[in-house]
Amino acid sequence: ALKILALIVLVALLVPYVLAPFYRTGHPVSTLMLWRQLSGAP
């Protein structure tokens, strides 16, 4: 379970580094925008 948890944390830490180069184009949104949308806030 600890190994799985460590793997999940590692993947979460690496995701931004993988995504960042793709943000040369497109219309990215912030985590706060996503949170507000998920919580029903305008």
PDB file of all heavy atoms in Angstrom:
ATOM      1  N   ALA A   1       0.824  -1.201   0.000  1.00  0.00           N
ATOM      2  CA  ALA A   1       0.000   0.000   0.000  1.00  0.00           C
ATOM      3  C   ALA A   1       0.861   1.255   0.000  1.00  0.00           C
ATOM      4  O   ALA A   1       0.546   2.244  -0.677  1.00  0.00           O
ATOM      5  CB  ALA A   1      -0.927  -0.002   1.212  1.00  0.00           C
ATOM      6  N   LEU A   2       1.968   1.226   0.747  1.00  0.00           N
ATOM      7  CA  LEU A   2       2.870   2.368   0.780  1.00  0.00           C
ATOM      8  C   LEU A   2       3.524   2.594  -0.581  1.00  0.00           C
ATOM      9  O   LEU A   2       3.703   3.743  -1.010  1.00  0.00           O
ATOM     10  CB  LEU A   2       3.945   2.151   1.848  1.00  0.00           C
ATOM     11  CG  LEU A   2       3.485   2.278   3.306  1.00  0.00           C
ATOM     12  CD1 LEU A   2       4.623   1.938   4.250  1.00  0.00           C
ATOM     13  CD2 LEU A   2       2.958   3.686   3.584  1.00  0.00           C
ATOM     14  N   LYS A   3       3.875   1.512  -1.255  1.00  0.00           N
ATOM     15  CA  LYS A   3       4.473   1.631  -2.581  1.00  0.00           C
ATOM     16  C   LYS A   3       3.481   2.227  -3.576  1.00  0.00           C
ATOM     17  O   LYS A   3       3.838   3.076  -4.399  1.00  0.00           O
ATOM     18  CB  LYS A   3       4.947   0.261  -3.064  1.00  0.00           C
ATOM     19  CG  LYS A   3       6.172  -0.267  -2.338  1.00  0.00           C
ATOM     20  CD  LYS A   3       6.609  -1.595  -2.913  1.00  0.00           C
ATOM     21  CE  LYS A   3       7.868  -2.120  -2.212  1.00  0.00           C
ATOM     22  NZ  LYS A   3       8.297  -3.427  -2.753  1.00  0.00           N
ATOM     23  N   ILE A   4       2.246   1.784  -3.483  1.00  0.00           N
ATOM     24  CA  ILE A   4       1.210   2.322  -4.377  1.00  0.00           C
ATOM     25  C   ILE A   4       0.987   3.798  -4.100  1.00  0.00           C
ATOM     26  O   ILE A   4       0.881   4.619  -5.023  1.00  0.00           O
ATOM     27  CB  ILE A   4      -0.102   1.529  -4.215  1.00  0.00           C
ATOM     28  CG1 ILE A   4       0.085   0.093  -4.714  1.00  0.00           C
ATOM     29  CG2 ILE A   4      -1.241   2.219  -4.972  1.00  0.00           C
ATOM     30  CD1 ILE A   4      -1.104  -0.799  -4.474  1.00  0.00           C
ATOM     31  N   LEU A   5       0.947   4.143  -2.806  1.00  0.00           N
ATOM     32  CA  LEU A   5       0.768   5.545  -2.426  1.00  0.00           C
ATOM     33  C   LEU A   5       1.924   6.397  -2.921  1.00  0.00           C
ATOM     34  O   LEU A   5       1.731   7.502  -3.443  1.00  0.00           O
ATOM     35  CB  LEU A   5       0.641   5.653  -0.908  1.00  0.00           C
ATOM     36  CG  LEU A   5       0.462   7.077  -0.350  1.00  0.00           C
ATOM     37  CD1 LEU A   5      -0.799   7.721  -0.910  1.00  0.00           C
ATOM     38  CD2 LEU A   5       0.428   7.045   1.176  1.00  0.00           C
ATOM     39  N   ALA A   6       3.143   5.870  -2.775  1.00  0.00           N
ATOM     40  CA  ALA A   6       4.323   6.599  -3.239  1.00  0.00           C
ATOM     41  C   ALA A   6       4.282   6.801  -4.751  1.00  0.00           C
ATOM     42  O   ALA A   6       4.654   7.863  -5.264  1.00  0.00           O
ATOM     43  CB  ALA A   6       5.593   5.858  -2.835  1.00  0.00           C
ATOM     44  N   LEU A   7       3.808   5.780  -5.465  1.00  0.00           N
ATOM     45  CA  LEU A   7       3.707   5.873  -6.929  1.00  0.00           C
ATOM     46  C   LEU A   7       2.674   6.930  -7.321  1.00  0.00           C
ATOM     47  O   LEU A   7       2.914   7.721  -8.252  1.00  0.00           O
ATOM     48  CB  LEU A   7       3.321   4.518  -7.507  1.00  0.00           C
ATOM     49  CG  LEU A   7       3.195   4.451  -9.045  1.00  0.00           C
ATOM     50  CD1 LEU A   7       4.521   4.822  -9.700  1.00  0.00           C
ATOM     51  CD2 LEU A   7       2.737   3.071  -9.477  1.00  0.00           C
ATOM     52  N   ILE A   8       1.558   6.957  -6.612  1.00  0.00           N
ATOM     53  CA  ILE A   8       0.517   7.947  -6.899  1.00  0.00           C
ATOM     54  C   ILE A   8       1.054   9.358  -6.672  1.00  0.00           C
ATOM     55  O   ILE A   8       0.827  10.268  -7.484  1.00  0.00           O
ATOM     56  CB  ILE A   8      -0.721   7.685  -6.021  1.00  0.00           C
ATOM     57  CG1 ILE A   8      -1.402   6.381  -6.440  1.00  0.00           C
ATOM     58  CG2 ILE A   8      -1.707   8.855  -6.118  1.00  0.00           C
ATOM     59  CD1 ILE A   8      -2.529   5.964  -5.523  1.00  0.00           C
ATOM     60  N   VAL A   9       1.770   9.564  -5.563  1.00  0.00           N
ATOM     61  CA  VAL A   9       2.346  10.870  -5.260  1.00  0.00           C
ATOM     62  C   VAL A   9       3.350  11.278  -6.324  1.00  0.00           C
ATOM     63  O   VAL A   9       3.368  12.427  -6.785  1.00  0.00           O
ATOM     64  CB  VAL A   9       3.005  10.862  -3.863  1.00  0.00           C
ATOM     65  CG1 VAL A   9       3.801  12.143  -3.638  1.00  0.00           C
ATOM     66  CG2 VAL A   9       1.951  10.682  -2.775  1.00  0.00           C
ATOM     67  N   LEU A  10       4.188  10.332  -6.751  1.00  0.00           N
ATOM     68  CA  LEU A  10       5.197  10.614  -7.775  1.00  0.00           C
ATOM     69  C   LEU A  10       4.540  11.024  -9.088  1.00  0.00           C
ATOM     70  O   LEU A  10       4.962  12.002  -9.730  1.00  0.00           O
ATOM     71  CB  LEU A  10       6.079   9.392  -7.986  1.00  0.00           C
ATOM     72  CG  LEU A  10       7.180   9.527  -9.057  1.00  0.00           C
ATOM     73  CD1 LEU A  10       8.146  10.651  -8.689  1.00  0.00           C
ATOM     74  CD2 LEU A  10       7.925   8.210  -9.227  1.00  0.00           C
ATOM     75  N   VAL A  11       3.509  10.305  -9.481  1.00  0.00           N
ATOM     76  CA  VAL A  11       2.798  10.641 -10.722  1.00  0.00           C
ATOM     77  C   VAL A  11       2.181  12.028 -10.619  1.00  0.00           C
ATOM     78  O   VAL A  11       2.264  12.838 -11.549  1.00  0.00           O
ATOM     79  CB  VAL A  11       1.717   9.582 -11.025  1.00  0.00           C
ATOM     80  CG1 VAL A  11       0.813  10.053 -12.171  1.00  0.00           C
ATOM     81  CG2 VAL A  11       2.363   8.253 -11.394  1.00  0.00           C
ATOM     82  N   ALA A  12       1.576  12.321  -9.459  1.00  0.00           N
ATOM     83  CA  ALA A  12       0.954  13.635  -9.259  1.00  0.00           C
ATOM     84  C   ALA A  12       1.979  14.756  -9.355  1.00  0.00           C
ATOM     85  O   ALA A  12       1.694  15.837  -9.890  1.00  0.00           O
ATOM     86  CB  ALA A  12       0.253  13.670  -7.903  1.00  0.00           C
ATOM     87  N   LEU A  13       3.187  14.510  -8.839  1.00  0.00           N
ATOM     88  CA  LEU A  13       4.240  15.517  -8.893  1.00  0.00           C
ATOM     89  C   LEU A  13       4.769  15.720 -10.305  1.00  0.00           C
ATOM     90  O   LEU A  13       5.192  16.818 -10.675  1.00  0.00           O
ATOM     91  CB  LEU A  13       5.385  15.126  -7.957  1.00  0.00           C
ATOM     92  CG  LEU A  13       5.091  15.171  -6.454  1.00  0.00           C
ATOM     93  CD1 LEU A  13       6.272  14.617  -5.662  1.00  0.00           C
ATOM     94  CD2 LEU A  13       4.780  16.597  -6.005  1.00  0.00           C
ATOM     95  N   LEU A  14       4.744  14.658 -11.109  1.00  0.00           N
ATOM     96  CA  LEU A  14       5.294  14.730 -12.463  1.00  0.00           C
ATOM     97  C   LEU A  14       4.313  15.282 -13.487  1.00  0.00           C
ATOM     98  O   LEU A  14       4.738  15.814 -14.520  1.00  0.00           O
ATOM     99  CB  LEU A  14       5.765  13.338 -12.907  1.00  0.00           C
ATOM    100  CG  LEU A  14       7.011  12.783 -12.203  1.00  0.00           C
ATOM    101  CD1 LEU A  14       7.309  11.373 -12.699  1.00  0.00           C
ATOM    102  CD2 LEU A  14       8.211  13.692 -12.432  1.00  0.00           C
ATOM    103  N   VAL A  15       3.020  15.166 -13.209  1.00  0.00           N
ATOM    104  CA  VAL A  15       2.007  15.588 -14.182  1.00  0.00           C
ATOM    105  C   VAL A  15       2.206  17.031 -14.647  1.00  0.00           C
ATOM    106  O   VAL A  15       2.162  17.309 -15.856  1.00  0.00           O
ATOM    107  CB  VAL A  15       0.586  15.374 -13.612  1.00  0.00           C
ATOM    108  CG1 VAL A  15      -0.448  16.171 -14.413  1.00  0.00           C
ATOM    109  CG2 VAL A  15       0.226  13.898 -13.654  1.00  0.00           C
ATOM    110  N   PRO A  16       2.436  18.009 -13.752  1.00  0.00           N
ATOM    111  CA  PRO A  16       2.628  19.388 -14.220  1.00  0.00           C
ATOM    112  C   PRO A  16       3.811  19.535 -15.183  1.00  0.00           C
ATOM    113  O   PRO A  16       3.736  20.335 -16.126  1.00  0.00           O
ATOM    114  CB  PRO A  16       2.874  20.170 -12.926  1.00  0.00           C
ATOM    115  CG  PRO A  16       2.199  19.367 -11.866  1.00  0.00           C
ATOM    116  CD  PRO A  16       2.419  17.945 -12.276  1.00  0.00           C
ATOM    117  N   TYR A  17       4.867  18.780 -14.944  1.00  0.00           N
ATOM    118  CA  TYR A  17       6.043  18.871 -15.816  1.00  0.00           C
ATOM    119  C   TYR A  17       5.759  18.296 -17.198  1.00  0.00           C
ATOM    120  O   TYR A  17       6.320  18.747 -18.193  1.00  0.00           O
ATOM    121  CB  TYR A  17       7.224  18.157 -15.158  1.00  0.00           C
ATOM    122  CG  TYR A  17       7.709  18.853 -13.914  1.00  0.00           C
ATOM    123  CD1 TYR A  17       7.159  18.548 -12.671  1.00  0.00           C
ATOM    124  CD2 TYR A  17       8.687  19.833 -13.980  1.00  0.00           C
ATOM    125  CE1 TYR A  17       7.579  19.208 -11.520  1.00  0.00           C
ATOM    126  CE2 TYR A  17       9.121  20.492 -12.845  1.00  0.00           C
ATOM    127  CZ  TYR A  17       8.552  20.175 -11.618  1.00  0.00           C
ATOM    128  OH  TYR A  17       8.959  20.844 -10.485  1.00  0.00           O
ATOM    129  N   VAL A  18       4.882  17.309 -17.255  1.00  0.00           N
ATOM    130  CA  VAL A  18       4.492  16.725 -18.539  1.00  0.00           C
ATOM    131  C   VAL A  18       3.549  17.671 -19.282  1.00  0.00           C
ATOM    132  O   VAL A  18       3.651  17.855 -20.500  1.00  0.00           O
ATOM    133  CB  VAL A  18       3.822  15.350 -18.329  1.00  0.00           C
ATOM    134  CG1 VAL A  18       3.284  14.802 -19.652  1.00  0.00           C
ATOM    135  CG2 VAL A  18       4.813  14.360 -17.712  1.00  0.00           C
ATOM    136  N   LEU A  19       2.632  18.293 -18.544  1.00  0.00           N
ATOM    137  CA  LEU A  19       1.616  19.141 -19.169  1.00  0.00           C
ATOM    138  C   LEU A  19       2.154  20.494 -19.618  1.00  0.00           C
ATOM    139  O   LEU A  19       1.698  21.034 -20.631  1.00  0.00           O
ATOM    140  CB  LEU A  19       0.456  19.359 -18.203  1.00  0.00           C
ATOM    141  CG  LEU A  19      -0.449  18.166 -17.908  1.00  0.00           C
ATOM    142  CD1 LEU A  19      -1.527  18.559 -16.911  1.00  0.00           C
ATOM    143  CD2 LEU A  19      -1.071  17.620 -19.184  1.00  0.00           C
ATOM    144  N   ALA A  20       3.093  21.062 -18.879  1.00  0.00           N
ATOM    145  CA  ALA A  20       3.536  22.438 -19.140  1.00  0.00           C
ATOM    146  C   ALA A  20       3.919  22.702 -20.595  1.00  0.00           C
ATOM    147  O   ALA A  20       3.505  23.724 -21.162  1.00  0.00           O
ATOM    148  CB  ALA A  20       4.687  22.803 -18.196  1.00  0.00           C
ATOM    149  N   PRO A  21       4.702  21.835 -21.261  1.00  0.00           N
ATOM    150  CA  PRO A  21       5.061  22.129 -22.656  1.00  0.00           C
ATOM    151  C   PRO A  21       3.863  22.204 -23.591  1.00  0.00           C
ATOM    152  O   PRO A  21       3.912  22.881 -24.615  1.00  0.00           O
ATOM    153  CB  PRO A  21       5.978  20.952 -23.028  1.00  0.00           C
ATOM    154  CG  PRO A  21       6.511  20.454 -21.730  1.00  0.00           C
ATOM    155  CD  PRO A  21       5.403  20.637 -20.754  1.00  0.00           C
ATOM    156  N   PHE A  22       2.769  21.515 -23.242  1.00  0.00           N
ATOM    157  CA  PHE A  22       1.586  21.525 -24.090  1.00  0.00           C
ATOM    158  C   PHE A  22       0.792  22.823 -23.964  1.00  0.00           C
ATOM    159  O   PHE A  22      -0.107  23.082 -24.763  1.00  0.00           O
ATOM    160  CB  PHE A  22       0.682  20.331 -23.746  1.00  0.00           C
ATOM    161  CG  PHE A  22       1.272  18.999 -24.110  1.00  0.00           C
ATOM    162  CD1 PHE A  22       1.929  18.235 -23.155  1.00  0.00           C
ATOM    163  CD2 PHE A  22       1.201  18.520 -25.412  1.00  0.00           C
ATOM    164  CE1 PHE A  22       2.482  17.010 -23.492  1.00  0.00           C
ATOM    165  CE2 PHE A  22       1.754  17.296 -25.754  1.00  0.00           C
ATOM    166  CZ  PHE A  22       2.393  16.540 -24.799  1.00  0.00           C
ATOM    167  N   TYR A  23       1.135  23.643 -22.968  1.00  0.00           N
ATOM    168  CA  TYR A  23       0.417  24.892 -22.770  1.00  0.00           C
ATOM    169  C   TYR A  23       0.961  26.012 -23.642  1.00  0.00           C
ATOM    170  O   TYR A  23       0.614  27.191 -23.438  1.00  0.00           O
ATOM    171  CB  TYR A  23       0.469  25.295 -21.294  1.00  0.00           C
ATOM    172  CG  TYR A  23      -0.461  24.479 -20.416  1.00  0.00           C
ATOM    173  CD1 TYR A  23      -0.296  24.430 -19.050  1.00  0.00           C
ATOM    174  CD2 TYR A  23      -1.504  23.747 -20.972  1.00  0.00           C
ATOM    175  CE1 TYR A  23      -1.147  23.687 -18.240  1.00  0.00           C
ATOM    176  CE2 TYR A  23      -2.355  22.993 -20.189  1.00  0.00           C
ATOM    177  CZ  TYR A  23      -2.172  22.969 -18.830  1.00  0.00           C
ATOM    178  OH  TYR A  23      -3.024  22.238 -18.045  1.00  0.00           O
ATOM    179  N   ARG A  24       1.773  25.665 -24.617  1.00  0.00           N
ATOM    180  CA  ARG A  24       2.173  26.660 -25.619  1.00  0.00           C
ATOM    181  C   ARG A  24       0.966  27.126 -26.423  1.00  0.00           C
ATOM    182  O   ARG A  24       0.973  28.212 -27.007  1.00  0.00           O
ATOM    183  CB  ARG A  24       3.226  26.087 -26.568  1.00  0.00           C
ATOM    184  CG  ARG A  24       4.622  26.027 -25.975  1.00  0.00           C
ATOM    185  CD  ARG A  24       5.614  25.412 -26.952  1.00  0.00           C
ATOM    186  NE  ARG A  24       6.980  25.578 -26.486  1.00  0.00           N
ATOM    187  CZ  ARG A  24       7.777  26.581 -26.818  1.00  0.00           C
ATOM    188  NH1 ARG A  24       7.333  27.510 -27.658  1.00  0.00           N
ATOM    189  NH2 ARG A  24       9.001  26.668 -26.357  1.00  0.00           N
ATOM    190  N   THR A  25      -0.059  26.295 -26.492  1.00  0.00           N
ATOM    191  CA  THR A  25      -1.294  26.635 -27.189  1.00  0.00           C
ATOM    192  C   THR A  25      -2.477  26.305 -26.284  1.00  0.00           C
ATOM    193  O   THR A  25      -2.321  25.700 -25.224  1.00  0.00           O
ATOM    194  CB  THR A  25      -1.431  25.851 -28.509  1.00  0.00           C
ATOM    195  OG1 THR A  25      -1.440  24.444 -28.208  1.00  0.00           O
ATOM    196  CG2 THR A  25      -0.286  26.154 -29.453  1.00  0.00           C
ATOM    197  N   GLY A  26      -3.653  26.685 -26.726  1.00  0.00           N
ATOM    198  CA  GLY A  26      -4.853  26.357 -25.977  1.00  0.00           C
ATOM    199  C   GLY A  26      -5.215  27.410 -24.954  1.00  0.00           C
ATOM    200  O   GLY A  26      -4.542  28.444 -24.822  1.00  0.00           O
ATOM    201  N   HIS A  27      -6.277  27.132 -24.214  1.00  0.00           N
ATOM    202  CA  HIS A  27      -6.818  28.066 -23.234  1.00  0.00           C
ATOM    203  C   HIS A  27      -6.893  27.377 -21.874  1.00  0.00           C
ATOM    204  O   HIS A  27      -7.976  26.985 -21.430  1.00  0.00           O
ATOM    205  CB  HIS A  27      -8.205  28.550 -23.659  1.00  0.00           C
ATOM    206  CG  HIS A  27      -8.244  29.262 -24.972  1.00  0.00           C
ATOM    207  ND1 HIS A  27      -9.407  29.500 -25.671  1.00  0.00           N
ATOM    208  CD2 HIS A  27      -7.237  29.790 -25.722  1.00  0.00           C
ATOM    209  CE1 HIS A  27      -9.128  30.147 -26.788  1.00  0.00           C
ATOM    210  NE2 HIS A  27      -7.818  30.339 -26.844  1.00  0.00           N
ATOM    211  N   PRO A  28      -5.767  27.222 -21.192  1.00  0.00           N
ATOM    212  CA  PRO A  28      -5.766  26.512 -19.907  1.00  0.00           C
ATOM    213  C   PRO A  28      -6.572  27.233 -18.839  1.00  0.00           C
ATOM    214  O   PRO A  28      -6.778  28.450 -18.907  1.00  0.00           O
ATOM    215  CB  PRO A  28      -4.279  26.461 -19.533  1.00  0.00           C
ATOM    216  CG  PRO A  28      -3.658  27.594 -20.284  1.00  0.00           C
ATOM    217  CD  PRO A  28      -4.423  27.712 -21.558  1.00  0.00           C
ATOM    218  N   VAL A  29      -7.054  26.460 -17.867  1.00  0.00           N
ATOM    219  CA  VAL A  29      -7.797  27.015 -16.739  1.00  0.00           C
ATOM    220  C   VAL A  29      -7.020  26.747 -15.460  1.00  0.00           C
ATOM    221  O   VAL A  29      -6.158  25.868 -15.410  1.00  0.00           O
ATOM    222  CB  VAL A  29      -9.216  26.409 -16.637  1.00  0.00           C
ATOM    223  CG1 VAL A  29     -10.022  26.737 -17.877  1.00  0.00           C
ATOM    224  CG2 VAL A  29      -9.148  24.903 -16.416  1.00  0.00           C
ATOM    225  N   SER A  30      -7.327  27.501 -14.424  1.00  0.00           N
ATOM    226  CA  SER A  30      -6.629  27.359 -13.149  1.00  0.00           C
ATOM    227  C   SER A  30      -7.307  26.319 -12.275  1.00  0.00           C
ATOM    228  O   SER A  30      -8.473  25.956 -12.488  1.00  0.00           O
ATOM    229  CB  SER A  30      -6.592  28.700 -12.411  1.00  0.00           C
ATOM    230  OG  SER A  30      -7.897  29.060 -11.968  1.00  0.00           O
ATOM    231  N   THR A  31      -6.577  25.849 -11.269  1.00  0.00           N
ATOM    232  CA  THR A  31      -7.162  24.909 -10.321  1.00  0.00           C
ATOM    233  C   THR A  31      -8.304  25.557  -9.542  1.00  0.00           C
ATOM    234  O   THR A  31      -9.285  24.882  -9.199  1.00  0.00           O
ATOM    235  CB  THR A  31      -6.099  24.384  -9.345  1.00  0.00           C
ATOM    236  OG1 THR A  31      -5.440  25.504  -8.704  1.00  0.00           O
ATOM    237  CG2 THR A  31      -5.070  23.538 -10.063  1.00  0.00           C
ATOM    238  N   LEU A  32      -8.213  26.861  -9.278  1.00  0.00           N
ATOM    239  CA  LEU A  32      -9.284  27.548  -8.572  1.00  0.00           C
ATOM    240  C   LEU A  32     -10.541  27.617  -9.428  1.00  0.00           C
ATOM    241  O   LEU A  32     -11.658  27.442  -8.925  1.00  0.00           O
ATOM    242  CB  LEU A  32      -8.843  28.962  -8.178  1.00  0.00           C
ATOM    243  CG  LEU A  32      -9.869  29.804  -7.411  1.00  0.00           C
ATOM    244  CD1 LEU A  32     -10.330  29.083  -6.145  1.00  0.00           C
ATOM    245  CD2 LEU A  32      -9.293  31.180  -7.074  1.00  0.00           C
ATOM    246  N   MET A  33     -10.380  27.847 -10.718  1.00  0.00           N
ATOM    247  CA  MET A  33     -11.527  27.841 -11.622  1.00  0.00           C
ATOM    248  C   MET A  33     -12.197  26.472 -11.631  1.00  0.00           C
ATOM    249  O   MET A  33     -13.430  26.364 -11.572  1.00  0.00           O
ATOM    250  CB  MET A  33     -11.084  28.242 -13.035  1.00  0.00           C
ATOM    251  CG  MET A  33     -10.628  29.686 -13.165  1.00  0.00           C
ATOM    252  SD  MET A  33      -9.759  30.024 -14.730  1.00  0.00           S
ATOM    253  CE  MET A  33     -11.101  29.830 -15.899  1.00  0.00           C
ATOM    254  N   LEU A  34     -11.381  25.431 -11.719  1.00  0.00           N
ATOM    255  CA  LEU A  34     -11.924  24.070 -11.708  1.00  0.00           C
ATOM    256  C   LEU A  34     -12.649  23.775 -10.401  1.00  0.00           C
ATOM    257  O   LEU A  34     -13.736  23.176 -10.400  1.00  0.00           O
ATOM    258  CB  LEU A  34     -10.793  23.053 -11.934  1.00  0.00           C
ATOM    259  CG  LEU A  34     -10.182  23.015 -13.329  1.00  0.00           C
ATOM    260  CD1 LEU A  34      -8.974  22.080 -13.331  1.00  0.00           C
ATOM    261  CD2 LEU A  34     -11.208  22.540 -14.357  1.00  0.00           C
ATOM    262  N   TRP A  35     -12.055  24.184  -9.289  1.00  0.00           N
ATOM    263  CA  TRP A  35     -12.676  23.933  -7.984  1.00  0.00           C
ATOM    264  C   TRP A  35     -14.015  24.647  -7.871  1.00  0.00           C
ATOM    265  O   TRP A  35     -14.993  24.080  -7.371  1.00  0.00           O
ATOM    266  CB  TRP A  35     -11.739  24.369  -6.872  1.00  0.00           C
ATOM    267  CG  TRP A  35     -12.372  24.270  -5.511  1.00  0.00           C
ATOM    268  CD1 TRP A  35     -12.780  25.286  -4.707  1.00  0.00           C
ATOM    269  CD2 TRP A  35     -12.686  23.054  -4.814  1.00  0.00           C
ATOM    270  NE1 TRP A  35     -13.317  24.803  -3.542  1.00  0.00           N
ATOM    271  CE2 TRP A  35     -13.285  23.429  -3.585  1.00  0.00           C
ATOM    272  CE3 TRP A  35     -12.516  21.698  -5.102  1.00  0.00           C
ATOM    273  CZ2 TRP A  35     -13.715  22.489  -2.650  1.00  0.00           C
ATOM    274  CZ3 TRP A  35     -12.953  20.761  -4.170  1.00  0.00           C
ATOM    275  CH2 TRP A  35     -13.539  21.164  -2.970  1.00  0.00           C
ATOM    276  N   ARG A  36     -14.071  25.875  -8.332  1.00  0.00           N
ATOM    277  CA  ARG A  36     -15.326  26.623  -8.278  1.00  0.00           C
ATOM    278  C   ARG A  36     -16.390  25.958  -9.148  1.00  0.00           C
ATOM    279  O   ARG A  36     -17.562  25.867  -8.759  1.00  0.00           O
ATOM    280  CB  ARG A  36     -15.110  28.078  -8.713  1.00  0.00           C
ATOM    281  CG  ARG A  36     -14.354  28.931  -7.694  1.00  0.00           C
ATOM    282  CD  ARG A  36     -14.216  30.371  -8.182  1.00  0.00           C
ATOM    283  NE  ARG A  36     -15.501  31.027  -8.315  1.00  0.00           N
ATOM    284  CZ  ARG A  36     -16.090  31.724  -7.348  1.00  0.00           C
ATOM    285  NH1 ARG A  36     -15.488  31.860  -6.172  1.00  0.00           N
ATOM    286  NH2 ARG A  36     -17.249  32.304  -7.548  1.00  0.00           N
ATOM    287  N   GLN A  37     -15.992  25.489 -10.317  1.00  0.00           N
ATOM    288  CA  GLN A  37     -16.944  24.820 -11.187  1.00  0.00           C
ATOM    289  C   GLN A  37     -17.468  23.532 -10.558  1.00  0.00           C
ATOM    290  O   GLN A  37     -18.669  23.246 -10.602  1.00  0.00           O
ATOM    291  CB  GLN A  37     -16.293  24.523 -12.542  1.00  0.00           C
ATOM    292  CG  GLN A  37     -16.066  25.769 -13.394  1.00  0.00           C
ATOM    293  CD  GLN A  37     -15.263  25.488 -14.646  1.00  0.00           C
ATOM    294  OE1 GLN A  37     -14.495  24.534 -14.718  1.00  0.00           O
ATOM    295  NE2 GLN A  37     -15.435  26.326 -15.660  1.00  0.00           N
ATOM    296  N   LEU A  38     -16.568  22.772  -9.936  1.00  0.00           N
ATOM    297  CA  LEU A  38     -16.968  21.513  -9.300  1.00  0.00           C
ATOM    298  C   LEU A  38     -17.875  21.759  -8.100  1.00  0.00           C
ATOM    299  O   LEU A  38     -18.754  20.937  -7.792  1.00  0.00           O
ATOM    300  CB  LEU A  38     -15.731  20.728  -8.863  1.00  0.00           C
ATOM    301  CG  LEU A  38     -14.891  20.113  -9.992  1.00  0.00           C
ATOM    302  CD1 LEU A  38     -13.604  19.511  -9.434  1.00  0.00           C
ATOM    303  CD2 LEU A  38     -15.689  19.041 -10.729  1.00  0.00           C
ATOM    304  N   SER A  39     -17.667  22.879  -7.414  1.00  0.00           N
ATOM    305  CA  SER A  39     -18.464  23.184  -6.233  1.00  0.00           C
ATOM    306  C   SER A  39     -19.737  23.962  -6.558  1.00  0.00           C
ATOM    307  O   SER A  39     -20.509  24.311  -5.665  1.00  0.00           O
ATOM    308  CB  SER A  39     -17.632  23.969  -5.217  1.00  0.00           C
ATOM    309  OG  SER A  39     -17.227  25.221  -5.763  1.00  0.00           O
ATOM    310  N   GLY A  40     -19.941  24.255  -7.835  1.00  0.00           N
ATOM    311  CA  GLY A  40     -21.150  24.961  -8.247  1.00  0.00           C
ATOM    312  C   GLY A  40     -21.075  26.473  -8.148  1.00  0.00           C
ATOM    313  O   GLY A  40     -22.074  27.160  -8.367  1.00  0.00           O
ATOM    314  N   ALA A  41     -19.897  27.020  -7.824  1.00  0.00           N
ATOM    315  CA  ALA A  41     -19.739  28.469  -7.733  1.00  0.00           C
ATOM    316  C   ALA A  41     -19.603  29.058  -9.139  1.00  0.00           C
ATOM    317  O   ALA A  41     -19.116  28.390 -10.053  1.00  0.00           O
ATOM    318  CB  ALA A  41     -18.508  28.817  -6.894  1.00  0.00           C
ATOM    319  N   PRO A  42     -20.013  30.301  -9.334  1.00  0.00           N
ATOM    320  CA  PRO A  42     -19.948  30.902 -10.673  1.00  0.00           C
ATOM    321  C   PRO A  42     -18.515  31.133 -11.136  1.00  0.00           C
ATOM    322  O   PRO A  42     -17.634  31.466 -10.340  1.00  0.00           O
ATOM    323  CB  PRO A  42     -20.688  32.234 -10.505  1.00  0.00           C
ATOM    324  CG  PRO A  42     -20.572  32.550  -9.047  1.00  0.00           C
ATOM    325  CD  PRO A  42     -20.610  31.231  -8.341  1.00  0.00           C
TER     326      PRO A  42
END
